[in-house]
Amino acid sequence: MKLSSVVKVSKDESPEIIGPDHVQIKAHPGDQLLLHCEALANCEVDMAVIYWLVNGSFPEETPSSGRIVESEESTLEDGAILLRSLLLKNVTPEDLKSTFTCVVTNAAGTALKNTTLATKRSGCNGGRKRKH
């Protein structure tokens, strides 16, 4: 039995982020973190681009280059779905103040997904006693 799925691609539409366009992730300084981005290309194969920015700059152009590394672009469904990840090898306090933006663009437009980090609290209730 062969299972397959069909992704409908309409011509001349802007790309679409799969999932929310703003995400906040809990992290501790020192953690390794992998940020994911998936999008519908909504155009012909090889006509859309997906990439990450760190505070508006390419990761390799930031002072933290080497510590923050972008994966190669990959695709699913014969190029209809674009995927790219951003690896933070070691989260720093500066990263907790940064915005990580996934950008997907084609001839018809651009879609963005912003990811910010927040400090994880220890314990289930953040170390605070709960009032009933």
N, C-alpha and C. Protein backbone atom coordinates (compact mmCIF):
# COMPACT_ATOMS: atom_id res chain seq x y z
N MET A 1 0.84 -1.17 0.00
CA MET A 1 0.00 0.00 0.00
C MET A 1 0.89 1.24 0.00
N LYS A 2 0.63 2.14 -0.90
CA LYS A 2 1.42 3.37 -1.00
C LYS A 2 0.58 4.53 -0.51
N LEU A 3 1.13 5.27 0.45
CA LEU A 3 0.46 6.46 0.97
C LEU A 3 1.14 7.68 0.38
N SER A 4 0.37 8.62 -0.05
CA SER A 4 0.95 9.86 -0.55
C SER A 4 0.03 11.01 -0.19
N SER A 5 0.60 12.18 -0.20
CA SER A 5 -0.19 13.37 0.08
C SER A 5 -0.03 14.33 -1.08
N VAL A 6 -1.00 15.18 -1.24
CA VAL A 6 -0.98 16.14 -2.33
C VAL A 6 -0.99 17.54 -1.72
N VAL A 7 -0.07 18.37 -2.17
CA VAL A 7 -0.04 19.76 -1.74
C VAL A 7 -0.41 20.59 -2.95
N LYS A 8 -1.51 21.35 -2.81
CA LYS A 8 -1.97 22.18 -3.92
C LYS A 8 -1.18 23.48 -3.95
N VAL A 9 -0.59 23.77 -5.09
CA VAL A 9 0.19 24.99 -5.24
C VAL A 9 -0.49 25.87 -6.28
N SER A 10 -0.89 27.04 -5.87
CA SER A 10 -1.49 27.99 -6.79
C SER A 10 -0.41 28.90 -7.33
N LYS A 11 -0.55 29.29 -8.56
CA LYS A 11 0.45 30.16 -9.17
C LYS A 11 0.30 31.60 -8.67
N ASP A 12 1.42 32.29 -8.64
CA ASP A 12 1.45 33.71 -8.31
C ASP A 12 0.89 34.06 -6.93
N GLU A 13 1.17 33.24 -5.94
CA GLU A 13 0.80 33.55 -4.57
C GLU A 13 2.04 33.71 -3.73
N SER A 14 1.95 34.56 -2.71
CA SER A 14 3.07 34.74 -1.78
C SER A 14 3.29 33.43 -1.02
N PRO A 15 4.51 33.20 -0.55
CA PRO A 15 4.74 32.01 0.26
C PRO A 15 4.00 32.12 1.59
N GLU A 16 3.78 30.97 2.24
CA GLU A 16 3.06 30.95 3.52
C GLU A 16 3.87 30.17 4.54
N ILE A 17 4.06 30.76 5.70
CA ILE A 17 4.70 30.05 6.82
C ILE A 17 3.73 28.98 7.30
N ILE A 18 4.24 27.79 7.57
CA ILE A 18 3.42 26.73 8.16
C ILE A 18 3.52 26.88 9.67
N GLY A 19 2.39 27.13 10.31
CA GLY A 19 2.39 27.35 11.75
C GLY A 19 2.32 28.84 12.06
N PRO A 20 2.49 29.19 13.35
CA PRO A 20 2.37 30.60 13.76
C PRO A 20 3.51 31.45 13.19
N ASP A 21 3.24 32.75 13.00
CA ASP A 21 4.27 33.63 12.47
C ASP A 21 5.06 34.34 13.57
N HIS A 22 4.72 34.05 14.82
CA HIS A 22 5.54 34.52 15.95
C HIS A 22 5.56 33.42 17.00
N VAL A 23 6.78 33.09 17.44
CA VAL A 23 6.96 32.01 18.41
C VAL A 23 7.90 32.51 19.50
N GLN A 24 7.59 32.18 20.76
CA GLN A 24 8.52 32.45 21.85
C GLN A 24 8.92 31.10 22.44
N ILE A 25 10.22 30.87 22.53
CA ILE A 25 10.76 29.60 23.02
C ILE A 25 11.50 29.84 24.32
N LYS A 26 11.27 28.98 25.28
CA LYS A 26 11.97 29.07 26.56
C LYS A 26 13.35 28.42 26.43
N ALA A 27 14.37 29.09 26.96
CA ALA A 27 15.74 28.59 26.88
C ALA A 27 16.55 29.13 28.04
N HIS A 28 17.60 28.41 28.40
CA HIS A 28 18.57 28.84 29.40
C HIS A 28 19.87 29.20 28.69
N PRO A 29 20.60 30.21 29.16
CA PRO A 29 21.95 30.41 28.64
C PRO A 29 22.74 29.11 28.80
N GLY A 30 23.47 28.76 27.76
CA GLY A 30 24.24 27.52 27.77
C GLY A 30 23.56 26.39 27.03
N ASP A 31 22.22 26.51 26.83
CA ASP A 31 21.48 25.48 26.10
C ASP A 31 21.88 25.47 24.63
N GLN A 32 21.76 24.30 24.00
CA GLN A 32 21.81 24.22 22.54
C GLN A 32 20.37 24.24 22.07
N LEU A 33 20.09 24.99 21.00
CA LEU A 33 18.72 25.19 20.56
C LEU A 33 18.66 25.12 19.04
N LEU A 34 17.66 24.42 18.52
CA LEU A 34 17.46 24.32 17.08
C LEU A 34 16.11 24.93 16.74
N LEU A 35 16.11 26.00 15.95
CA LEU A 35 14.89 26.67 15.51
C LEU A 35 14.54 26.17 14.12
N HIS A 36 13.26 25.84 13.91
CA HIS A 36 12.82 25.30 12.63
C HIS A 36 11.89 26.27 11.93
N CYS A 37 11.91 26.22 10.60
CA CYS A 37 11.00 27.02 9.80
C CYS A 37 10.56 26.18 8.61
N GLU A 38 9.25 26.13 8.40
CA GLU A 38 8.68 25.43 7.26
C GLU A 38 7.71 26.37 6.57
N ALA A 39 7.68 26.30 5.23
CA ALA A 39 6.79 27.20 4.49
C ALA A 39 6.34 26.55 3.19
N LEU A 40 5.16 26.98 2.75
CA LEU A 40 4.68 26.61 1.42
C LEU A 40 5.28 27.60 0.43
N ALA A 41 5.95 27.08 -0.59
CA ALA A 41 6.61 27.95 -1.57
C ALA A 41 5.59 28.72 -2.41
N ASN A 42 4.46 28.08 -2.77
CA ASN A 42 3.40 28.68 -3.59
C ASN A 42 3.90 29.23 -4.92
N CYS A 43 4.87 28.53 -5.50
CA CYS A 43 5.39 28.94 -6.81
C CYS A 43 6.09 27.74 -7.45
N GLU A 44 6.62 27.96 -8.63
CA GLU A 44 7.35 26.90 -9.33
C GLU A 44 8.56 26.47 -8.50
N VAL A 45 8.97 25.23 -8.69
CA VAL A 45 10.14 24.70 -7.98
C VAL A 45 11.35 25.60 -8.25
N ASP A 46 12.16 25.81 -7.23
CA ASP A 46 13.39 26.62 -7.30
C ASP A 46 13.14 28.11 -7.53
N MET A 47 11.91 28.57 -7.31
CA MET A 47 11.63 30.00 -7.48
C MET A 47 11.39 30.70 -6.15
N ALA A 48 11.53 29.97 -5.03
CA ALA A 48 11.37 30.56 -3.70
C ALA A 48 12.65 30.34 -2.91
N VAL A 49 12.89 31.23 -1.96
CA VAL A 49 14.09 31.16 -1.12
C VAL A 49 13.66 31.24 0.34
N ILE A 50 14.33 30.47 1.19
CA ILE A 50 14.08 30.50 2.62
C ILE A 50 15.40 30.72 3.34
N TYR A 51 15.42 31.65 4.30
CA TYR A 51 16.67 31.92 5.04
C TYR A 51 16.33 32.53 6.39
N TRP A 52 17.33 32.56 7.27
CA TRP A 52 17.18 33.12 8.62
C TRP A 52 17.96 34.42 8.74
N LEU A 53 17.43 35.33 9.58
CA LEU A 53 18.13 36.55 9.97
C LEU A 53 18.20 36.60 11.49
N VAL A 54 19.27 37.17 12.01
CA VAL A 54 19.42 37.39 13.45
C VAL A 54 19.47 38.90 13.65
N ASN A 55 18.44 39.47 14.26
CA ASN A 55 18.32 40.92 14.43
C ASN A 55 18.51 41.65 13.10
N GLY A 56 17.94 41.09 12.03
CA GLY A 56 17.99 41.74 10.73
C GLY A 56 19.23 41.49 9.91
N SER A 57 20.17 40.69 10.41
CA SER A 57 21.42 40.40 9.68
C SER A 57 21.54 38.91 9.41
N PHE A 58 22.24 38.56 8.34
CA PHE A 58 22.50 37.15 8.07
C PHE A 58 23.35 36.57 9.20
N PRO A 59 23.08 35.32 9.63
CA PRO A 59 23.83 34.74 10.76
C PRO A 59 25.35 34.81 10.59
N GLU A 60 25.82 34.60 9.37
CA GLU A 60 27.27 34.60 9.15
C GLU A 60 27.88 35.99 9.23
N GLU A 61 27.04 37.03 9.24
CA GLU A 61 27.53 38.41 9.34
C GLU A 61 27.41 38.98 10.75
N THR A 62 26.93 38.18 11.70
CA THR A 62 26.78 38.65 13.07
C THR A 62 28.04 38.34 13.87
N PRO A 63 28.26 39.05 14.99
CA PRO A 63 29.43 38.76 15.82
C PRO A 63 29.44 37.33 16.35
N SER A 64 28.26 36.70 16.38
CA SER A 64 28.17 35.33 16.91
C SER A 64 28.27 34.28 15.82
N SER A 65 28.75 34.67 14.61
CA SER A 65 28.85 33.67 13.55
C SER A 65 29.77 32.54 14.00
N GLY A 66 29.43 31.34 13.62
CA GLY A 66 30.14 30.16 14.11
C GLY A 66 29.41 29.54 15.28
N ARG A 67 28.80 30.36 16.13
CA ARG A 67 28.00 29.87 17.24
C ARG A 67 26.54 29.71 16.83
N ILE A 68 26.11 30.53 15.87
CA ILE A 68 24.76 30.43 15.30
C ILE A 68 24.93 30.04 13.84
N VAL A 69 24.40 28.85 13.50
CA VAL A 69 24.65 28.28 12.17
C VAL A 69 23.33 27.93 11.49
N GLU A 70 23.21 28.34 10.23
CA GLU A 70 22.02 28.04 9.44
C GLU A 70 22.21 26.73 8.70
N SER A 71 21.16 25.89 8.68
CA SER A 71 21.24 24.63 7.93
C SER A 71 21.10 24.92 6.44
N GLU A 72 21.35 23.91 5.63
CA GLU A 72 21.09 24.03 4.20
C GLU A 72 19.57 23.99 4.00
N GLU A 73 19.11 24.61 2.94
CA GLU A 73 17.69 24.56 2.60
C GLU A 73 17.35 23.15 2.15
N SER A 74 16.19 22.66 2.57
CA SER A 74 15.71 21.37 2.08
C SER A 74 14.25 21.52 1.71
N THR A 75 13.72 20.54 0.97
CA THR A 75 12.34 20.62 0.51
C THR A 75 11.62 19.30 0.71
N LEU A 76 10.31 19.39 0.74
CA LEU A 76 9.41 18.23 0.75
C LEU A 76 8.40 18.42 -0.37
N GLU A 77 7.69 17.36 -0.70
CA GLU A 77 6.61 17.43 -1.70
C GLU A 77 7.10 18.05 -3.02
N ASP A 78 8.25 17.56 -3.50
CA ASP A 78 8.80 18.02 -4.78
C ASP A 78 9.02 19.53 -4.83
N GLY A 79 9.45 20.10 -3.72
CA GLY A 79 9.77 21.52 -3.68
C GLY A 79 8.64 22.42 -3.23
N ALA A 80 7.46 21.86 -2.98
CA ALA A 80 6.31 22.68 -2.57
C ALA A 80 6.47 23.20 -1.15
N ILE A 81 7.19 22.44 -0.30
CA ILE A 81 7.42 22.84 1.09
C ILE A 81 8.92 23.07 1.29
N LEU A 82 9.26 24.25 1.80
CA LEU A 82 10.66 24.60 2.07
C LEU A 82 10.93 24.46 3.56
N LEU A 83 12.13 23.99 3.91
CA LEU A 83 12.52 23.83 5.30
C LEU A 83 13.92 24.40 5.50
N ARG A 84 14.12 25.06 6.66
CA ARG A 84 15.46 25.53 7.02
C ARG A 84 15.49 25.69 8.53
N SER A 85 16.62 25.36 9.13
CA SER A 85 16.78 25.44 10.58
C SER A 85 17.93 26.37 10.95
N LEU A 86 17.90 26.83 12.19
CA LEU A 86 18.96 27.68 12.72
C LEU A 86 19.41 27.05 14.03
N LEU A 87 20.70 26.72 14.11
CA LEU A 87 21.27 26.09 15.30
C LEU A 87 21.98 27.13 16.14
N LEU A 88 21.55 27.26 17.39
CA LEU A 88 22.27 28.08 18.37
C LEU A 88 23.05 27.08 19.20
N LYS A 89 24.35 27.02 18.99
CA LYS A 89 25.18 26.01 19.67
C LYS A 89 25.24 26.23 21.18
N ASN A 90 25.10 27.49 21.59
CA ASN A 90 25.22 27.84 22.99
C ASN A 90 24.46 29.14 23.21
N VAL A 91 23.24 29.05 23.75
CA VAL A 91 22.42 30.24 23.97
C VAL A 91 23.14 31.18 24.95
N THR A 92 23.16 32.47 24.61
CA THR A 92 23.79 33.48 25.47
C THR A 92 22.72 34.45 25.97
N PRO A 93 23.02 35.24 27.00
CA PRO A 93 22.07 36.27 27.45
C PRO A 93 21.69 37.23 26.31
N GLU A 94 22.61 37.50 25.40
CA GLU A 94 22.33 38.37 24.26
C GLU A 94 21.25 37.75 23.36
N ASP A 95 21.29 36.42 23.20
CA ASP A 95 20.28 35.74 22.38
C ASP A 95 18.88 35.93 22.96
N LEU A 96 18.78 36.04 24.28
CA LEU A 96 17.49 36.22 24.93
C LEU A 96 16.87 37.58 24.60
N LYS A 97 17.69 38.51 24.08
CA LYS A 97 17.21 39.83 23.67
C LYS A 97 17.10 39.96 22.15
N SER A 98 17.38 38.86 21.44
CA SER A 98 17.44 38.90 19.97
C SER A 98 16.15 38.41 19.33
N THR A 99 15.97 38.78 18.06
CA THR A 99 14.87 38.28 17.25
C THR A 99 15.46 37.47 16.10
N PHE A 100 14.98 36.25 15.97
CA PHE A 100 15.42 35.35 14.91
C PHE A 100 14.28 35.27 13.91
N THR A 101 14.54 35.69 12.68
CA THR A 101 13.48 35.80 11.68
C THR A 101 13.72 34.85 10.52
N CYS A 102 12.73 34.01 10.26
CA CYS A 102 12.75 33.16 9.07
C CYS A 102 12.06 33.95 7.97
N VAL A 103 12.73 34.07 6.83
CA VAL A 103 12.20 34.82 5.69
C VAL A 103 12.00 33.84 4.54
N VAL A 104 10.82 33.87 3.95
CA VAL A 104 10.53 33.06 2.77
C VAL A 104 10.03 34.02 1.71
N THR A 105 10.65 33.96 0.54
CA THR A 105 10.27 34.92 -0.50
C THR A 105 10.19 34.25 -1.86
N ASN A 106 9.25 34.72 -2.66
CA ASN A 106 9.16 34.32 -4.07
C ASN A 106 8.80 35.58 -4.86
N ALA A 107 8.55 35.43 -6.15
CA ALA A 107 8.28 36.60 -6.99
C ALA A 107 7.01 37.35 -6.57
N ALA A 108 6.08 36.65 -5.92
CA ALA A 108 4.80 37.27 -5.56
C ALA A 108 4.81 37.94 -4.19
N GLY A 109 5.80 37.62 -3.34
CA GLY A 109 5.80 38.26 -2.02
C GLY A 109 6.73 37.58 -1.03
N THR A 110 6.57 37.95 0.23
CA THR A 110 7.44 37.49 1.31
C THR A 110 6.59 37.14 2.53
N ALA A 111 7.03 36.11 3.26
CA ALA A 111 6.40 35.74 4.53
C ALA A 111 7.49 35.69 5.59
N LEU A 112 7.14 36.10 6.82
CA LEU A 112 8.10 36.13 7.92
C LEU A 112 7.60 35.34 9.11
N LYS A 113 8.54 34.72 9.83
CA LYS A 113 8.25 34.08 11.12
C LYS A 113 9.30 34.59 12.10
N ASN A 114 8.85 35.28 13.15
CA ASN A 114 9.76 35.81 14.16
C ASN A 114 9.78 34.88 15.37
N THR A 115 10.98 34.58 15.83
CA THR A 115 11.17 33.75 17.02
C THR A 115 11.97 34.55 18.02
N THR A 116 11.46 34.60 19.25
CA THR A 116 12.20 35.22 20.35
C THR A 116 12.39 34.16 21.43
N LEU A 117 13.36 34.41 22.29
CA LEU A 117 13.66 33.48 23.38
C LEU A 117 13.28 34.12 24.70
N ALA A 118 12.89 33.30 25.64
CA ALA A 118 12.59 33.76 26.99
C ALA A 118 13.30 32.82 27.95
N THR A 119 13.66 33.34 29.12
CA THR A 119 14.35 32.52 30.11
C THR A 119 13.41 31.48 30.67
N LYS A 120 13.88 30.25 30.71
CA LYS A 120 13.11 29.17 31.34
C LYS A 120 13.08 29.39 32.83
N ARG A 121 11.98 29.09 33.42
CA ARG A 121 11.90 29.12 34.89
C ARG A 121 12.11 27.70 35.38
N SER A 122 12.73 27.58 36.53
CA SER A 122 12.96 26.24 37.07
C SER A 122 11.71 25.75 37.77
N GLY A 123 11.49 24.46 37.70
CA GLY A 123 10.34 23.86 38.36
C GLY A 123 9.07 24.06 37.57
N CYS A 124 8.03 23.39 37.98
CA CYS A 124 6.75 23.43 37.27
C CYS A 124 6.05 24.77 37.39
N ASN A 125 6.20 25.44 38.54
CA ASN A 125 5.49 26.71 38.73
C ASN A 125 6.45 27.88 38.91
N GLY A 126 7.66 27.72 38.39
CA GLY A 126 8.60 28.82 38.45
C GLY A 126 9.13 29.10 39.83
N GLY A 127 9.02 28.13 40.73
CA GLY A 127 9.55 28.31 42.08
C GLY A 127 8.65 29.12 42.99
N ARG A 128 7.46 29.51 42.50
CA ARG A 128 6.53 30.28 43.32
C ARG A 128 5.47 29.36 43.89
N LYS A 129 5.03 29.68 45.08
CA LYS A 129 3.95 28.90 45.67
C LYS A 129 2.65 29.34 45.04
N ARG A 130 1.83 28.38 44.76
CA ARG A 130 0.56 28.63 44.10
C ARG A 130 -0.52 28.87 45.14
N LYS A 131 -1.34 29.87 44.90
CA LYS A 131 -2.47 30.14 45.80
C LYS A 131 -3.69 29.45 45.22
N HIS A 132 -4.46 28.83 46.09
CA HIS A 132 -5.66 28.11 45.64
C HIS A 132 -6.88 28.91 45.89
